[in-house]
Protein backbone atom coordinates (compact mmCIF):
# COMPACT_ATOMS: atom_id res chain seq x y z
CA MET A 1 17.81 10.07 11.30
CA THR A 2 14.57 8.72 12.47
CA THR A 3 11.89 6.68 10.06
CA ASN A 4 8.66 8.47 9.93
CA VAL A 5 6.94 6.57 7.23
CA ILE A 6 7.32 2.97 6.16
CA MET A 7 5.59 2.68 2.61
CA LEU A 8 4.59 -0.59 1.62
CA ASN A 9 3.87 -0.92 -2.40
CA GLY A 10 2.65 -4.06 -3.76
CA GLY A 11 -0.33 -5.57 -5.66
CA SER A 12 -3.44 -6.74 -4.13
CA SER A 13 -2.95 -9.98 -2.29
CA SER A 14 0.66 -9.53 -2.04
CA GLY A 15 0.79 -9.60 1.82
CA LYS A 16 1.14 -5.81 2.74
CA SER A 17 -1.37 -5.74 5.31
CA GLY A 18 -0.06 -8.97 7.10
CA ILE A 19 3.29 -7.44 6.85
CA ALA A 20 1.87 -4.05 8.39
CA ARG A 21 0.50 -6.00 11.18
CA CYS A 22 3.56 -7.70 12.04
CA LEU A 23 5.87 -4.51 11.79
CA GLN A 24 3.46 -3.21 14.52
CA ALA A 25 4.31 -6.26 16.61
CA VAL A 26 8.05 -6.23 16.05
CA LEU A 27 8.75 -2.55 15.93
CA PRO A 28 9.68 -1.16 19.42
CA ASP A 29 7.61 2.10 19.21
CA PRO A 30 3.96 2.52 18.35
CA TRP A 31 2.93 2.88 14.50
CA LEU A 32 -0.19 3.50 12.89
CA ALA A 33 -1.14 1.31 9.99
CA LEU A 34 -3.09 2.86 7.10
CA GLY A 35 -3.84 1.67 3.75
CA THR A 36 -5.56 2.45 0.47
CA ASP A 37 -8.12 -0.07 1.71
CA THR A 38 -8.82 2.51 4.66
CA LEU A 39 -9.30 5.11 2.28
CA VAL A 40 -11.65 3.24 0.06
CA GLN A 41 -13.69 2.07 2.89
CA ALA A 42 -14.37 5.39 4.17
CA MET A 43 -15.74 6.77 0.99
CA PRO A 44 -19.33 6.71 0.45
CA ALA A 45 -20.59 3.41 -0.98
CA ALA A 46 -21.86 5.44 -4.11
CA MET A 47 -18.22 6.11 -4.85
CA ARG A 48 -17.12 2.72 -4.75
CA ALA A 49 -19.04 2.00 -7.89
CA SER A 50 -18.70 5.12 -9.95
CA ASN A 51 -16.96 6.28 -12.90
CA ALA A 52 -16.01 9.49 -10.88
CA GLY A 53 -15.08 7.53 -7.70
CA ILE A 54 -13.54 4.05 -8.10
CA GLU A 55 -14.66 0.95 -9.87
CA PHE A 56 -13.51 -2.72 -9.74
CA ALA A 57 -14.06 -4.09 -13.22
CA PRO A 58 -14.87 -7.76 -13.61
CA ASP A 59 -11.42 -8.67 -14.96
CA GLY A 60 -9.63 -7.08 -11.76
CA GLN A 61 -8.78 -3.80 -13.16
CA VAL A 62 -9.13 -0.77 -10.92
CA LEU A 63 -10.69 2.39 -12.41
CA VAL A 64 -10.41 5.66 -10.53
CA GLY A 65 -12.02 8.99 -11.41
CA PRO A 66 -11.63 12.55 -10.42
CA GLU A 67 -13.67 12.38 -7.16
CA PHE A 68 -11.34 9.60 -5.77
CA ARG A 69 -8.50 11.52 -6.88
CA ALA A 70 -9.30 14.40 -4.86
CA LEU A 71 -10.18 12.70 -1.86
CA GLU A 72 -6.97 10.61 -2.27
CA ALA A 73 -4.89 13.98 -2.59
CA ALA A 74 -6.61 15.05 0.89
CA TRP A 75 -6.10 11.68 2.35
CA ILE A 76 -2.53 11.59 1.47
CA GLU A 77 -1.81 15.16 2.77
CA GLY A 78 -3.48 14.06 5.98
CA VAL A 79 -1.22 11.22 6.37
CA ALA A 80 1.55 13.26 5.90
CA ALA A 81 0.48 15.74 8.61
CA MET A 82 0.14 12.53 10.96
CA ALA A 83 3.63 12.04 10.42
CA ARG A 84 4.85 15.49 10.76
CA ALA A 85 2.90 15.52 13.87
CA GLY A 86 5.01 12.69 15.40
CA ALA A 87 2.82 9.71 14.53
CA ARG A 88 4.92 6.95 12.82
CA VAL A 89 2.97 5.24 10.00
CA ILE A 90 2.99 2.35 8.11
CA VAL A 91 1.29 2.83 4.80
CA ASP A 92 -0.08 -0.18 2.81
CA GLU A 93 -0.33 1.22 -0.80
CA VAL A 94 -0.95 -0.09 -4.24
CA PHE A 95 0.78 2.08 -6.77
CA LEU A 96 -1.60 1.60 -9.73
CA GLY A 97 -0.35 4.81 -11.59
CA GLY A 98 3.35 3.82 -11.21
CA THR A 99 5.79 6.35 -10.69
CA GLN A 100 3.04 8.95 -10.76
CA SER A 101 1.46 7.42 -7.71
CA ARG A 102 4.72 7.50 -5.84
CA ASN A 103 5.54 11.04 -6.95
CA ARG A 104 2.21 12.21 -5.10
CA TRP A 105 3.23 10.63 -1.90
CA GLN A 106 6.94 11.76 -2.37
CA LYS A 107 5.66 15.43 -2.58
CA ALA A 108 3.45 15.28 0.32
CA LEU A 109 5.91 13.44 2.43
CA GLY A 110 8.88 15.90 1.73
CA GLY A 111 11.15 16.48 4.46
CA LEU A 112 10.08 13.25 6.23
CA ARG A 113 12.41 10.16 6.49
CA VAL A 114 10.36 7.39 4.45
CA LEU A 115 11.62 3.94 3.86
CA TRP A 116 10.30 2.71 0.60
CA VAL A 117 9.61 -1.09 0.81
CA GLY A 118 8.46 -2.92 -2.56
CA VAL A 119 6.30 -6.06 -1.56
CA ARG A 120 6.24 -8.59 -4.26
CA CYS A 121 4.66 -12.02 -4.64
CA ASP A 122 4.32 -14.32 -7.48
CA SER A 123 0.97 -13.52 -9.25
CA ALA A 124 -0.07 -16.93 -9.12
CA VAL A 125 0.40 -17.03 -5.25
CA ALA A 126 -1.25 -13.84 -4.85
CA ALA A 127 -4.22 -15.01 -7.23
CA GLY A 128 -4.62 -18.08 -4.86
CA ARG A 129 -4.68 -15.74 -1.89
CA GLU A 130 -7.11 -13.51 -3.69
CA VAL A 131 -9.59 -16.56 -3.89
CA ALA A 132 -8.83 -17.46 -0.48
CA ARG A 133 -9.84 -14.18 0.95
CA GLY A 134 -12.98 -14.07 -1.02
CA ASP A 135 -13.38 -10.07 -0.48
CA ARG A 136 -11.63 -9.06 -3.74
CA VAL A 137 -12.42 -9.14 -7.51
CA ILE A 138 -10.94 -12.23 -8.99
CA GLY A 139 -8.29 -10.98 -11.45
CA MET A 140 -6.79 -8.10 -9.23
CA ALA A 141 -3.83 -9.88 -8.02
CA ALA A 142 -2.77 -10.90 -11.21
CA ALA A 143 -3.20 -7.61 -12.95
CA GLN A 144 -1.55 -5.75 -10.21
CA ALA A 145 1.29 -8.02 -9.39
CA GLU A 146 4.04 -6.56 -11.58
CA VAL A 147 2.42 -3.24 -12.91
CA VAL A 148 2.59 -1.50 -9.35
CA HIS A 149 6.72 -2.19 -9.33
CA ARG A 150 7.18 -0.70 -12.98
CA GLY A 151 9.80 2.33 -12.71
CA MET A 152 9.97 1.91 -9.14
CA VAL A 153 13.11 2.37 -7.05
CA TYR A 154 12.69 1.00 -3.45
CA ASP A 155 15.07 1.12 -0.35
CA LEU A 156 14.19 -2.39 0.31
CA GLU A 157 12.33 -5.09 -1.36
CA VAL A 158 10.67 -8.19 0.05
CA ASP A 159 8.83 -11.33 -1.56
CA THR A 160 6.26 -13.18 0.29
CA THR A 161 5.78 -15.78 -2.28
CA ARG A 162 7.59 -18.12 -0.11
CA THR A 163 8.54 -15.92 3.04
CA GLU A 164 6.04 -15.29 5.86
CA SER A 165 4.90 -11.66 6.78
CA LEU A 166 6.80 -11.78 10.12
CA GLU A 167 10.24 -12.80 8.55
CA CYS A 168 9.57 -9.78 6.08
CA ALA A 169 8.61 -7.35 8.96
CA ARG A 170 11.63 -8.57 10.69
CA THR A 171 13.82 -7.66 7.49
CA ILE A 172 11.97 -4.21 7.18
CA ALA A 173 12.16 -3.23 10.86
CA ALA A 174 16.08 -3.85 10.61
CA GLN A 175 16.20 -0.93 8.29
CA VAL A 176 14.10 1.28 10.33
CA GLY A 177 15.87 4.20 12.17
């Protein structure tokens, strides 16, 4: 059975985006790479600092409101529609809501072959990457490192603490049908 979607779930600065780019390079067919950052960047700036949209608290917590959830639901359905239309999609996600987040995706992706991948990284290493990036609220990586994996069951897990993105991508690609 052909894999339609590769779902990468991990905390901020865990290495998901790097893995997604490497997957695009090593997989034989073209794959789109989309992520939660894609959604947030597509939203009006006013929604990125609103309790109805999405807020990034000074301690690294991410708070989402009803307007964000409505746009997120439409976006998830849109990604699923692209996969159903024949696009192969790598999704770079952060399941802040744990199994509820996964359930939203699972419902939308029903009938599609999804490879669920947990992307782990030691919180201290992710925090160091966060500082080096300079585009994240300090504390997000530590706050998200474990919470996004609570209650999750994956087809495969990779750990970027000491493993490069390309090696992780090759491990994932070996599981893609």
